[in-house]
C-alpha atoms as a PDB file:
ATOM      1  CA  MET A   1      -5.365 -11.422 -21.347  1.00  0.00           C
ATOM      2  CA  SER A   2      -7.015 -10.073 -18.218  1.00  0.00           C
ATOM      3  CA  LYS A   3     -10.256  -8.134 -18.536  1.00  0.00           C
ATOM      4  CA  LEU A   4     -11.045  -4.599 -17.416  1.00  0.00           C
ATOM      5  CA  PHE A   5     -14.419  -4.925 -15.687  1.00  0.00           C
ATOM      6  CA  SER A   6     -16.533  -1.782 -15.756  1.00  0.00           C
ATOM      7  CA  LYS A   7     -18.707  -0.904 -12.760  1.00  0.00           C
ATOM      8  CA  GLU A   8     -21.645  -2.180 -14.831  1.00  0.00           C
ATOM      9  CA  GLU A   9     -19.938  -5.603 -14.944  1.00  0.00           C
ATOM     10  CA  ILE A  10     -19.540  -6.169 -11.192  1.00  0.00           C
ATOM     11  CA  ASN A  11     -21.770  -9.267 -11.408  1.00  0.00           C
ATOM     12  CA  GLU A  12     -19.305 -10.801 -13.861  1.00  0.00           C
ATOM     13  CA  ALA A  13     -16.364  -9.922 -11.602  1.00  0.00           C
ATOM     14  CA  ALA A  14     -18.175 -11.458  -8.604  1.00  0.00           C
ATOM     15  CA  LYS A  15     -18.815 -14.642 -10.617  1.00  0.00           C
ATOM     16  CA  ALA A  16     -15.075 -14.904 -11.284  1.00  0.00           C
ATOM     17  CA  ILE A  17     -14.390 -14.576  -7.543  1.00  0.00           C
ATOM     18  CA  ASN A  18     -16.910 -17.339  -6.790  1.00  0.00           C
ATOM     19  CA  GLU A  19     -15.152 -19.549  -9.355  1.00  0.00           C
ATOM     20  CA  GLY A  20     -11.896 -19.226  -7.419  1.00  0.00           C
ATOM     21  CA  LYS A  21     -10.334 -16.704  -9.798  1.00  0.00           C
ATOM     22  CA  LEU A  22      -8.486 -13.482  -8.953  1.00  0.00           C
ATOM     23  CA  VAL A  23      -9.953 -10.022  -9.540  1.00  0.00           C
ATOM     24  CA  SER A  24      -8.186  -6.772  -8.700  1.00  0.00           C
ATOM     25  CA  PHE A  25     -10.441  -4.266  -6.972  1.00  0.00           C
ATOM     26  CA  PRO A  26     -10.223  -0.525  -6.279  1.00  0.00           C
ATOM     27  CA  THR A  27     -10.082   1.054  -2.841  1.00  0.00           C
ATOM     28  CA  GLU A  28      -9.513   4.612  -1.683  1.00  0.00           C
ATOM     29  CA  THR A  29      -5.844   3.726  -1.007  1.00  0.00           C
ATOM     30  CA  VAL A  30      -4.454   1.396  -3.705  1.00  0.00           C
ATOM     31  CA  TYR A  31      -5.785  -1.434  -5.890  1.00  0.00           C
ATOM     32  CA  GLY A  32      -6.071  -4.806  -4.123  1.00  0.00           C
ATOM     33  CA  LEU A  33      -5.725  -8.293  -5.547  1.00  0.00           C
ATOM     34  CA  GLY A  34      -8.957 -10.032  -4.608  1.00  0.00           C
ATOM     35  CA  ALA A  35      -9.713 -13.674  -3.959  1.00  0.00           C
ATOM     36  CA  ASP A  36     -12.363 -15.451  -1.892  1.00  0.00           C
ATOM     37  CA  ALA A  37     -10.946 -15.319   1.657  1.00  0.00           C
ATOM     38  CA  THR A  38     -12.828 -18.519   2.543  1.00  0.00           C
ATOM     39  CA  ASN A  39     -11.285 -20.497  -0.337  1.00  0.00           C
ATOM     40  CA  PRO A  40      -7.696 -21.541   0.528  1.00  0.00           C
ATOM     41  CA  GLU A  41      -6.921 -22.684  -3.013  1.00  0.00           C
ATOM     42  CA  ALA A  42      -7.973 -19.305  -4.416  1.00  0.00           C
ATOM     43  CA  VAL A  43      -5.887 -17.500  -1.791  1.00  0.00           C
ATOM     44  CA  LYS A  44      -2.811 -19.542  -2.761  1.00  0.00           C
ATOM     45  CA  LYS A  45      -3.195 -18.158  -6.288  1.00  0.00           C
ATOM     46  CA  VAL A  46      -2.727 -14.637  -4.872  1.00  0.00           C
ATOM     47  CA  TYR A  47       0.719 -15.510  -3.538  1.00  0.00           C
ATOM     48  CA  ALA A  48       1.638 -17.150  -6.848  1.00  0.00           C
ATOM     49  CA  ALA A  49       0.437 -14.237  -8.986  1.00  0.00           C
ATOM     50  CA  LYS A  50       2.328 -11.674  -6.915  1.00  0.00           C
ATOM     51  CA  GLY A  51       5.401 -13.763  -6.173  1.00  0.00           C
ATOM     52  CA  ARG A  52       4.620 -12.973  -2.512  1.00  0.00           C
ATOM     53  CA  PRO A  53       6.266 -14.778   0.448  1.00  0.00           C
ATOM     54  CA  SER A  54       3.773 -17.163   2.032  1.00  0.00           C
ATOM     55  CA  ASP A  55       4.434 -15.897   5.573  1.00  0.00           C
ATOM     56  CA  ASN A  56       3.265 -12.389   4.664  1.00  0.00           C
ATOM     57  CA  PRO A  57      -0.330 -12.268   5.995  1.00  0.00           C
ATOM     58  CA  LEU A  58      -3.233 -10.887   4.001  1.00  0.00           C
ATOM     59  CA  ILE A  59      -5.881  -8.293   4.813  1.00  0.00           C
ATOM     60  CA  VAL A  60      -9.497  -9.482   4.698  1.00  0.00           C
ATOM     61  CA  HIS A  61     -11.821  -6.924   3.089  1.00  0.00           C
ATOM     62  CA  VAL A  62     -15.447  -6.872   4.207  1.00  0.00           C
ATOM     63  CA  ALA A  63     -18.554  -4.963   3.147  1.00  0.00           C
ATOM     64  CA  ASP A  64     -19.444  -3.852   6.686  1.00  0.00           C
ATOM     65  CA  GLN A  65     -18.820  -4.546  10.368  1.00  0.00           C
ATOM     66  CA  ALA A  66     -21.107  -7.560  10.297  1.00  0.00           C
ATOM     67  CA  GLY A  67     -18.699  -9.164   7.831  1.00  0.00           C
ATOM     68  CA  VAL A  68     -16.094  -9.404  10.611  1.00  0.00           C
ATOM     69  CA  GLU A  69     -18.290 -10.992  13.309  1.00  0.00           C
ATOM     70  CA  LYS A  70     -18.264 -14.447  11.707  1.00  0.00           C
ATOM     71  CA  PHE A  71     -14.478 -14.607  11.893  1.00  0.00           C
ATOM     72  CA  ALA A  72     -13.241 -12.506  14.825  1.00  0.00           C
ATOM     73  CA  ASN A  73     -13.957 -11.358  18.338  1.00  0.00           C
ATOM     74  CA  ILE A  74     -14.691  -7.610  18.391  1.00  0.00           C
ATOM     75  CA  ASP A  75     -14.141  -5.722  21.641  1.00  0.00           C
ATOM     76  CA  GLU A  76     -15.776  -2.397  22.484  1.00  0.00           C
ATOM     77  CA  GLN A  77     -12.784  -0.275  21.482  1.00  0.00           C
ATOM     78  CA  SER A  78     -12.521  -2.024  18.118  1.00  0.00           C
ATOM     79  CA  LYS A  79     -16.226  -1.483  17.544  1.00  0.00           C
ATOM     80  CA  ALA A  80     -15.806   2.211  18.354  1.00  0.00           C
ATOM     81  CA  LEU A  81     -12.970   2.398  15.806  1.00  0.00           C
ATOM     82  CA  MET A  82     -15.147   0.757  13.156  1.00  0.00           C
ATOM     83  CA  ASP A  83     -18.005   3.133  13.934  1.00  0.00           C
ATOM     84  CA  LYS A  84     -15.747   6.151  13.486  1.00  0.00           C
ATOM     85  CA  PHE A  85     -13.356   5.164  10.692  1.00  0.00           C
ATOM     86  CA  TRP A  86     -15.184   2.553   8.575  1.00  0.00           C
ATOM     87  CA  PRO A  87     -15.565   2.512   5.695  1.00  0.00           C
ATOM     88  CA  GLY A  88     -12.109   4.007   5.410  1.00  0.00           C
ATOM     89  CA  PRO A  89      -8.329   3.488   5.327  1.00  0.00           C
ATOM     90  CA  LEU A  90      -7.998   1.690   8.670  1.00  0.00           C
ATOM     91  CA  THR A  91      -7.098  -2.000   8.938  1.00  0.00           C
ATOM     92  CA  ILE A  92      -7.704  -3.593  12.347  1.00  0.00           C
ATOM     93  CA  ILE A  93      -5.931  -6.748  13.535  1.00  0.00           C
ATOM     94  CA  LEU A  94      -8.160  -8.857  15.772  1.00  0.00           C
ATOM     95  CA  PRO A  95      -8.051 -12.289  17.431  1.00  0.00           C
ATOM     96  CA  ILE A  96      -9.902 -14.755  15.235  1.00  0.00           C
ATOM     97  CA  LYS A  97     -12.280 -17.513  16.243  1.00  0.00           C
ATOM     98  CA  PRO A  98     -10.873 -21.067  16.112  1.00  0.00           C
ATOM     99  CA  ASN A  99     -10.538 -22.352  12.531  1.00  0.00           C
ATOM    100  CA  ALA A 100     -12.437 -19.332  11.197  1.00  0.00           C
ATOM    101  CA  LEU A 101      -9.849 -18.599   8.501  1.00  0.00           C
ATOM    102  CA  ALA A 102      -7.309 -20.820   6.779  1.00  0.00           C
ATOM    103  CA  PRO A 103      -3.626 -20.482   7.774  1.00  0.00           C
ATOM    104  CA  VAL A 104      -2.855 -19.368   4.224  1.00  0.00           C
ATOM    105  CA  VAL A 105      -4.810 -16.167   4.992  1.00  0.00           C
ATOM    106  CA  THR A 106      -3.395 -15.511   8.460  1.00  0.00           C
ATOM    107  CA  GLY A 107       0.184 -16.694   8.000  1.00  0.00           C
ATOM    108  CA  GLY A 108      -0.617 -19.329  10.615  1.00  0.00           C
ATOM    109  CA  LEU A 109      -1.293 -16.712  13.304  1.00  0.00           C
ATOM    110  CA  ASN A 110      -4.329 -16.625  15.613  1.00  0.00           C
ATOM    111  CA  THR A 111      -5.043 -13.079  14.437  1.00  0.00           C
ATOM    112  CA  ALA A 112      -6.219 -11.587  11.162  1.00  0.00           C
ATOM    113  CA  ALA A 113      -6.387  -8.103   9.657  1.00  0.00           C
ATOM    114  CA  PHE A 114      -9.767  -6.716   8.566  1.00  0.00           C
ATOM    115  CA  ARG A 115     -10.727  -3.658   6.535  1.00  0.00           C
ATOM    116  CA  ASN A 116     -13.915  -2.088   5.196  1.00  0.00           C
ATOM    117  CA  PRO A 117     -12.712  -0.055   2.196  1.00  0.00           C
ATOM    118  CA  ASP A 118     -14.308   3.239   1.246  1.00  0.00           C
ATOM    119  CA  ASN A 119     -15.143   2.365  -2.346  1.00  0.00           C
ATOM    120  CA  ALA A 120     -18.709   1.769  -3.509  1.00  0.00           C
ATOM    121  CA  ALA A 121     -17.736  -0.504  -6.413  1.00  0.00           C
ATOM    122  CA  THR A 122     -15.725  -2.818  -4.188  1.00  0.00           C
ATOM    123  CA  ILE A 123     -18.396  -2.889  -1.492  1.00  0.00           C
ATOM    124  CA  LYS A 124     -20.851  -4.008  -4.165  1.00  0.00           C
ATOM    125  CA  LEU A 125     -18.359  -6.607  -5.426  1.00  0.00           C
ATOM    126  CA  ILE A 126     -18.038  -8.114  -1.943  1.00  0.00           C
ATOM    127  CA  GLN A 127     -21.812  -8.113  -1.520  1.00  0.00           C
ATOM    128  CA  GLU A 128     -22.413  -9.710  -4.925  1.00  0.00           C
ATOM    129  CA  ALA A 129     -19.762 -12.376  -4.323  1.00  0.00           C
ATOM    130  CA  GLY A 130     -21.159 -13.059  -0.857  1.00  0.00           C
ATOM    131  CA  VAL A 131     -17.688 -13.632   0.602  1.00  0.00           C
ATOM    132  CA  PRO A 132     -14.945 -11.440   2.085  1.00  0.00           C
ATOM    133  CA  LEU A 133     -11.938 -10.790  -0.119  1.00  0.00           C
ATOM    134  CA  VAL A 134      -8.266 -11.059   0.681  1.00  0.00           C
ATOM    135  CA  GLY A 135      -6.637  -8.061  -0.879  1.00  0.00           C
ATOM    136  CA  PRO A 136      -2.894  -7.387  -0.863  1.00  0.00           C
ATOM    137  CA  SER A 137      -1.787  -4.687  -3.275  1.00  0.00           C
ATOM    138  CA  ALA A 138      -2.264  -5.846  -6.869  1.00  0.00           C
ATOM    139  CA  ASN A 139       1.346  -5.617  -7.964  1.00  0.00           C
ATOM    140  CA  THR A 140       4.411  -7.778  -8.345  1.00  0.00           C
ATOM    141  CA  SER A 141       5.675  -8.290  -4.802  1.00  0.00           C
ATOM    142  CA  GLY A 142       8.219  -5.654  -3.782  1.00  0.00           C
ATOM    143  CA  LYS A 143       7.320  -3.167  -6.512  1.00  0.00           C
ATOM    144  CA  PRO A 144       5.432   0.154  -6.062  1.00  0.00           C
ATOM    145  CA  SER A 145       1.780  -0.409  -5.222  1.00  0.00           C
ATOM    146  CA  PRO A 146      -0.806   0.219  -7.978  1.00  0.00           C
ATOM    147  CA  THR A 147      -2.934   3.358  -7.834  1.00  0.00           C
ATOM    148  CA  LYS A 148      -4.387   3.016 -11.353  1.00  0.00           C
ATOM    149  CA  PRO A 149      -5.891   0.073 -13.293  1.00  0.00           C
ATOM    150  CA  GLU A 150      -3.080   0.302 -15.833  1.00  0.00           C
ATOM    151  CA  HIS A 151      -0.534  -0.313 -13.061  1.00  0.00           C
ATOM    152  CA  VAL A 152      -2.281  -3.603 -12.234  1.00  0.00           C
ATOM    153  CA  MET A 153      -2.440  -4.610 -15.878  1.00  0.00           C
ATOM    154  CA  HIS A 154       1.269  -3.834 -16.304  1.00  0.00           C
ATOM    155  CA  ASP A 155       2.211  -6.236 -13.512  1.00  0.00           C
ATOM    156  CA  LEU A 156      -0.492  -8.913 -13.629  1.00  0.00           C
ATOM    157  CA  ASP A 157      -2.058  -9.001 -17.098  1.00  0.00           C
ATOM    158  CA  GLY A 158      -2.672 -12.628 -18.010  1.00  0.00           C
ATOM    159  CA  LYS A 159      -2.173 -13.805 -14.406  1.00  0.00           C
ATOM    160  CA  ILE A 160      -5.616 -12.769 -13.107  1.00  0.00           C
ATOM    161  CA  ALA A 161      -9.188 -12.773 -14.395  1.00  0.00           C
ATOM    162  CA  GLY A 162      -9.391  -9.003 -14.497  1.00  0.00           C
ATOM    163  CA  VAL A 163      -9.461  -5.578 -12.862  1.00  0.00           C
ATOM    164  CA  LEU A 164     -12.553  -3.755 -11.622  1.00  0.00           C
ATOM    165  CA  ASP A 165     -11.893  -0.300 -13.054  1.00  0.00           C
ATOM    166  CA  ASP A 166     -12.703   2.726 -10.899  1.00  0.00           C
ATOM    167  CA  GLY A 167      -9.958   5.036 -12.118  1.00  0.00           C
ATOM    168  CA  GLU A 168      -7.184   6.458  -9.961  1.00  0.00           C
ATOM    169  CA  THR A 169      -7.311   5.946  -6.200  1.00  0.00           C
ATOM    170  CA  LYS A 170      -7.802   8.933  -3.890  1.00  0.00           C
ATOM    171  CA  ILE A 171      -5.147   8.500  -1.199  1.00  0.00           C
ATOM    172  CA  GLY A 172      -2.316   6.623  -2.902  1.00  0.00           C
ATOM    173  CA  VAL A 173      -0.700   4.879   0.096  1.00  0.00           C
ATOM    174  CA  GLU A 174      -2.024   1.789   1.838  1.00  0.00           C
ATOM    175  CA  SER A 175      -4.232   1.818   4.913  1.00  0.00           C
ATOM    176  CA  THR A 176      -3.114   2.347   8.484  1.00  0.00           C
ATOM    177  CA  VAL A 177      -2.717  -1.050  10.178  1.00  0.00           C
ATOM    178  CA  LEU A 178      -3.679  -1.089  13.852  1.00  0.00           C
ATOM    179  CA  ASP A 179      -3.057  -4.136  16.039  1.00  0.00           C
ATOM    180  CA  MET A 180      -5.862  -4.534  18.578  1.00  0.00           C
ATOM    181  CA  SER A 181      -4.914  -8.088  19.569  1.00  0.00           C
ATOM    182  CA  GLY A 182      -2.393  -7.223  22.290  1.00  0.00           C
ATOM    183  CA  LYS A 183      -2.457  -5.404  25.610  1.00  0.00           C
ATOM    184  CA  ILE A 184      -1.627  -2.014  24.083  1.00  0.00           C
ATOM    185  CA  PRO A 185      -3.062  -0.913  20.685  1.00  0.00           C
ATOM    186  CA  SER A 186      -0.170  -0.537  18.263  1.00  0.00           C
ATOM    187  CA  ILE A 187       0.195   0.942  14.775  1.00  0.00           C
ATOM    188  CA  LEU A 188       2.127  -1.530  12.628  1.00  0.00           C
ATOM    189  CA  ARG A 189       1.896   0.470   9.394  1.00  0.00           C
ATOM    190  CA  PRO A 190       1.163   4.214   9.137  1.00  0.00           C
ATOM    191  CA  GLY A 191      -1.437   5.516   6.706  1.00  0.00           C
ATOM    192  CA  ALA A 192      -3.993   8.275   6.233  1.00  0.00           C
ATOM    193  CA  ILE A 193      -5.546   7.572   9.662  1.00  0.00           C
ATOM    194  CA  THR A 194      -2.883   9.093  11.918  1.00  0.00           C
ATOM    195  CA  VAL A 195      -1.821   8.601  15.526  1.00  0.00           C
ATOM    196  CA  ASP A 196      -3.627  11.794  16.472  1.00  0.00           C
ATOM    197  CA  ASP A 197      -6.817  10.545  14.786  1.00  0.00           C
ATOM    198  CA  LEU A 198      -6.680   7.281  16.727  1.00  0.00           C
ATOM    199  CA  LYS A 199      -5.910   8.918  20.079  1.00  0.00           C
ATOM    200  CA  GLU A 200      -9.453  10.267  20.183  1.00  0.00           C
ATOM    201  CA  ILE A 201     -10.545   6.683  20.904  1.00  0.00           C
ATOM    202  CA  LEU A 202      -7.243   5.096  21.971  1.00  0.00           C
ATOM    203  CA  PRO A 203      -5.279   7.542  24.163  1.00  0.00           C
ATOM    204  CA  GLU A 204      -2.642   4.874  24.814  1.00  0.00           C
ATOM    205  CA  VAL A 205      -2.001   3.915  21.163  1.00  0.00           C
ATOM    206  CA  GLN A 206       1.649   3.515  20.226  1.00  0.00           C
ATOM    207  CA  THR A 207       3.690   2.957  17.070  1.00  0.00           C
ATOM    208  CA  ASP A 208       5.497  -0.366  16.756  1.00  0.00           C
ATOM    209  CA  HIS A 209       9.011   0.199  15.388  1.00  0.00           C
ATOM    210  CA  HIS A 210      10.434  -3.269  16.100  1.00  0.00           C
ATOM    211  CA  GLN A 211      12.211  -5.088  13.286  1.00  0.00           C
ATOM    212  CA  VAL A 212      10.608  -8.388  12.292  1.00  0.00           C
ATOM    213  CA  GLY A 213      13.107 -11.204  12.637  1.00  0.00           C
ATOM    214  CA  LYS A 214      14.131 -13.544   9.836  1.00  0.00           C
ATOM    215  CA  ASP A 215      12.099 -16.445  11.240  1.00  0.00           C
ATOM    216  CA  GLU A 216       9.251 -14.317  12.630  1.00  0.00           C
ATOM    217  CA  VAL A 217       5.856 -14.188  10.934  1.00  0.00           C
ATOM    218  CA  PRO A 218       4.785 -10.534  10.615  1.00  0.00           C
ATOM    219  CA  LYS A 219       1.316  -9.578  11.849  1.00  0.00           C
ATOM    220  CA  ALA A 220       0.756  -7.159   8.977  1.00  0.00           C
ATOM    221  CA  PRO A 221       1.921  -6.603   5.387  1.00  0.00           C
ATOM    222  CA  GLY A 222       4.974  -4.446   4.762  1.00  0.00           C
ATOM    223  CA  MET A 223       6.803  -5.251   8.008  1.00  0.00           C
ATOM    224  CA  LYS A 224       9.394  -7.791   6.858  1.00  0.00           C
ATOM    225  CA  TYR A 225      10.186  -7.698   3.161  1.00  0.00           C
ATOM    226  CA  LYS A 226      11.468  -4.995   0.821  1.00  0.00           C
ATOM    227  CA  HIS A 227       8.566  -3.027  -0.620  1.00  0.00           C
ATOM    228  CA  TYR A 228       7.696  -0.347  -3.143  1.00  0.00           C
ATOM    229  CA  ALA A 229      11.082  -0.426  -4.880  1.00  0.00           C
ATOM    230  CA  PRO A 230      11.447   0.784  -8.491  1.00  0.00           C
ATOM    231  CA  ASN A 231      14.257  -0.463 -10.709  1.00  0.00           C
ATOM    232  CA  ALA A 232      16.361   2.623  -9.999  1.00  0.00           C
ATOM    233  CA  GLN A 233      18.010   3.299  -6.635  1.00  0.00           C
ATOM    234  CA  VAL A 234      16.083   5.912  -4.659  1.00  0.00           C
ATOM    235  CA  TYR A 235      17.895   8.387  -2.404  1.00  0.00           C
ATOM    236  CA  ILE A 236      16.082  10.471   0.214  1.00  0.00           C
ATOM    237  CA  VAL A 237      17.135  14.116   0.267  1.00  0.00           C
ATOM    238  CA  GLU A 238      17.083  16.483   3.249  1.00  0.00           C
ATOM    239  CA  ASP A 239      15.907  20.046   2.517  1.00  0.00           C
ATOM    240  CA  SER A 240      19.409  21.434   3.104  1.00  0.00           C
ATOM    241  CA  GLU A 241      21.013  18.971   0.675  1.00  0.00           C
ATOM    242  CA  TRP A 242      19.413  20.077  -2.588  1.00  0.00           C
ATOM    243  CA  PRO A 243      22.306  22.419  -3.545  1.00  0.00           C
ATOM    244  CA  GLU A 244      24.675  19.447  -3.139  1.00  0.00           C
ATOM    245  CA  VAL A 245      22.299  17.311  -5.191  1.00  0.00           C
ATOM    246  CA  GLY A 246      22.500  19.940  -7.919  1.00  0.00           C
ATOM    247  CA  GLN A 247      26.293  19.745  -7.846  1.00  0.00           C
ATOM    248  CA  TRP A 248      26.148  15.949  -8.065  1.00  0.00           C
ATOM    249  CA  ILE A 249      23.800  16.138 -11.048  1.00  0.00           C
ATOM    250  CA  ALA A 250      26.096  18.639 -12.787  1.00  0.00           C
ATOM    251  CA  LYS A 251      29.090  16.311 -12.301  1.00  0.00           C
ATOM    252  CA  HIS A 252      27.113  13.431 -13.804  1.00  0.00           C
ATOM    253  CA  ALA A 253      25.844  15.319 -16.837  1.00  0.00           C
ATOM    254  CA  ASN A 254      25.974  12.166 -18.984  1.00  0.00           C
ATOM    255  CA  GLN A 255      23.535  10.390 -16.651  1.00  0.00           C
ATOM    256  CA  ILE A 256      19.740  10.811 -16.694  1.00  0.00           C
ATOM    257  CA  VAL A 257      18.533  11.437 -13.140  1.00  0.00           C
ATOM    258  CA  GLY A 258      15.017  11.239 -11.695  1.00  0.00           C
ATOM    259  CA  VAL A 259      13.943  13.959  -9.276  1.00  0.00           C
ATOM    260  CA  MET A 260      10.790  14.092  -7.119  1.00  0.00           C
ATOM    261  CA  THR A 261      10.170  17.286  -5.128  1.00  0.00           C
ATOM    262  CA  THR A 262       7.471  19.811  -4.430  1.00  0.00           C
ATOM    263  CA  ASP A 263       7.166  22.525  -7.044  1.00  0.00           C
ATOM    264  CA  ALA A 264       8.573  25.077  -4.597  1.00  0.00           C
ATOM    265  CA  THR A 265      11.675  22.995  -3.817  1.00  0.00           C
ATOM    266  CA  PHE A 266      12.326  22.378  -7.507  1.00  0.00           C
ATOM    267  CA  ARG A 267      11.949  26.066  -8.316  1.00  0.00           C
ATOM    268  CA  ASN A 268      13.835  27.476  -5.323  1.00  0.00           C
ATOM    269  CA  ASN A 269      16.858  25.249  -5.946  1.00  0.00           C
ATOM    270  CA  LYS A 270      16.911  26.032  -9.692  1.00  0.00           C
ATOM    271  CA  LEU A 271      16.857  22.339 -10.541  1.00  0.00           C
ATOM    272  CA  ASP A 272      15.303  23.162 -13.900  1.00  0.00           C
ATOM    273  CA  SER A 273      18.724  24.408 -15.013  1.00  0.00           C
ATOM    274  CA  TYR A 274      20.003  20.825 -15.455  1.00  0.00           C
ATOM    275  CA  ASP A 275      19.258  19.176 -18.804  1.00  0.00           C
ATOM    276  CA  ASN A 276      19.766  15.628 -17.508  1.00  0.00           C
ATOM    277  CA  ILE A 277      16.913  15.759 -14.975  1.00  0.00           C
ATOM    278  CA  ARG A 278      13.569  14.041 -15.450  1.00  0.00           C
ATOM    279  CA  TYR A 279      11.234  15.726 -12.979  1.00  0.00           C
ATOM    280  CA  MET A 280       8.071  14.433 -11.300  1.00  0.00           C
ATOM    281  CA  SER A 281       6.215  16.905  -9.100  1.00  0.00           C
ATOM    282  CA  LEU A 282       5.153  15.945  -5.580  1.00  0.00           C
ATOM    283  CA  GLY A 283       2.746  18.872  -5.566  1.00  0.00           C
ATOM    284  CA  ASP A 284       2.748  21.181  -2.573  1.00  0.00           C
ATOM    285  CA  GLY A 285       3.320  18.898   0.426  1.00  0.00           C
ATOM    286  CA  PRO A 286       3.003  15.488   2.099  1.00  0.00           C
ATOM    287  CA  GLU A 287      -0.650  14.872   1.154  1.00  0.00           C
ATOM    288  CA  SER A 288      -0.125  15.358  -2.574  1.00  0.00           C
ATOM    289  CA  ALA A 289       3.244  13.594  -2.324  1.00  0.00           C
ATOM    290  CA  SER A 290       1.590  10.526  -0.763  1.00  0.00           C
ATOM    291  CA  HIS A 291      -1.027  10.503  -3.499  1.00  0.00           C
ATOM    292  CA  ARG A 292       1.579  10.668  -6.284  1.00  0.00           C
ATOM    293  CA  LEU A 293       4.505   8.642  -4.898  1.00  0.00           C
ATOM    294  CA  PHE A 294       3.796   5.172  -6.281  1.00  0.00           C
ATOM    295  CA  ASP A 295       2.556   6.443  -9.643  1.00  0.00           C
ATOM    296  CA  GLU A 296       5.694   8.521 -10.133  1.00  0.00           C
ATOM    297  CA  LEU A 297       8.045   5.714  -9.133  1.00  0.00           C
ATOM    298  CA  ARG A 298       6.300   3.534 -11.717  1.00  0.00           C
ATOM    299  CA  THR A 299       6.643   6.279 -14.336  1.00  0.00           C
ATOM    300  CA  PHE A 300      10.386   6.422 -13.720  1.00  0.00           C
ATOM    301  CA  ASP A 301      10.523   2.633 -14.163  1.00  0.00           C
ATOM    302  CA  GLN A 302       9.440   3.126 -17.775  1.00  0.00           C
ATOM    303  CA  ASN A 303      12.618   5.126 -18.488  1.00  0.00           C
ATOM    304  CA  LEU A 304      15.317   2.460 -18.576  1.00  0.00           C
ATOM    305  CA  LEU A 305      18.067   5.110 -18.658  1.00  0.00           C
ATOM    306  CA  ILE A 306      17.261   6.256 -15.112  1.00  0.00           C
ATOM    307  CA  ASN A 307      19.120   4.377 -12.388  1.00  0.00           C
ATOM    308  CA  VAL A 308      19.153   7.101  -9.732  1.00  0.00           C
ATOM    309  CA  ILE A 309      16.138   8.903  -8.229  1.00  0.00           C
ATOM    310  CA  PHE A 310      16.356  11.734  -5.688  1.00  0.00           C
ATOM    311  CA  SER A 311      13.205  12.265  -3.620  1.00  0.00           C
ATOM    312  CA  GLN A 312      12.278  14.892  -1.060  1.00  0.00           C
ATOM    313  CA  LYS A 313      12.056  14.139   2.651  1.00  0.00           C
ATOM    314  CA  PHE A 314       9.103  15.453   4.687  1.00  0.00           C
ATOM    315  CA  ASP A 315       8.582  15.752   8.420  1.00  0.00           C
ATOM    316  CA  ARG A 316       6.815  12.775  10.003  1.00  0.00           C
ATOM    317  CA  ILE A 317       3.698  14.750  10.859  1.00  0.00           C
ATOM    318  CA  GLY A 318       0.210  13.580   9.882  1.00  0.00           C
ATOM    319  CA  ILE A 319       0.264  11.721   6.570  1.00  0.00           C
ATOM    320  CA  GLY A 320       3.947  12.668   6.284  1.00  0.00           C
ATOM    321  CA  GLU A 321       4.565   9.616   8.510  1.00  0.00           C
ATOM    322  CA  ALA A 322       2.959   7.321   5.912  1.00  0.00           C
ATOM    323  CA  TYR A 323       4.813   9.025   3.039  1.00  0.00           C
ATOM    324  CA  MET A 324       8.185   8.625   4.752  1.00  0.00           C
ATOM    325  CA  ASN A 325       7.432   5.022   5.693  1.00  0.00           C
ATOM    326  CA  ARG A 326       6.856   4.151   2.025  1.00  0.00           C
ATOM    327  CA  LEU A 327       9.731   6.305   0.748  1.00  0.00           C
ATOM    328  CA  GLN A 328      12.220   4.754   3.173  1.00  0.00           C
ATOM    329  CA  LYS A 329      11.174   1.277   2.055  1.00  0.00           C
ATOM    330  CA  SER A 330      11.444   2.327  -1.613  1.00  0.00           C
ATOM    331  CA  ALA A 331      14.931   3.623  -0.955  1.00  0.00           C
ATOM    332  CA  GLY A 332      16.015   0.786   1.297  1.00  0.00           C
ATOM    333  CA  ASN A 333      16.518   3.539   3.914  1.00  0.00           C
ATOM    334  CA  THR A 334      19.246   5.104   1.753  1.00  0.00           C
ATOM    335  CA  TYR A 335      19.849   8.860   1.896  1.00  0.00           C
ATOM    336  CA  PHE A 336      21.736  11.252  -0.374  1.00  0.00           C
ATOM    337  CA  SER A 337      24.494  11.366   2.253  1.00  0.00           C
ATOM    338  CA  ASP A 338      25.062   7.643   1.534  1.00  0.00           C
ATOM    339  CA  ILE A 339      25.740   8.123  -2.186  1.00  0.00           C
ATOM    340  CA  ASN A 340      29.169   7.209  -3.480  1.00  0.00           C
END
């Protein structure tokens, strides 16, 4: 059995980290699976616990900017980004110093991803342990990321020392990943820090949409392998398609169907008139939808009768870009128009 560490037990959680054990920690985005980033054997346990491919690099979590200087070269633009957005949901990929981190952390690359999370309990954990923490999402690889301690316990109970409990996370989707190791700054994974936010410091920033090849090592998590997928097949629904969705649901009255929309979309399309719907509200727009997405996909997983989930599409504006990135991966880029 894994332990739920209270915030009064951070010393005990830090001791477990120093002993080479795994401890899940809270951030403002999702819960991470922590191990001593300077201990290769401990890091290998992260891959084993998650069932994670070994060429999927890990993010190194630090307590402050100084925690990066030992490992990486920080240019002026990167420092300006840290000054503005740290602590916060921005991960920065930087060139690392020779032999500063083990290949098991970097995927064998000469770069590494660093983040200073905006969570006081985790900052204290890193300080007490005295080492940076690797921290992929604390879930079974490929499944929806954990936004609550109980999500971590569901997936990893008995596989890790414990979970530092700080309740539900604030944002609900993982950090923005920004690659500062090339000629042009590039967003490899969208998050709560948007393109417009970054353009204040990086006018030339771009979004990297290239597909990672089969034999290519990705620079950041979430670029190569299927992610965030519940047991049921997810279909993305355009605003204009909800009447057709209703017709499909009516024709499949003997099938329990999951539906995720804003309250207004659910109400305006009279979806409450179908008895075979199990509804999860996405609130009033992309921000609340991003916060709730993973939790609701996990809730649907608990209903073994549901094998189809219809979820609302949003415009890729602001955090809507991060929401759609995660939803498309959950759905395997499958839309209602693709349904048989």
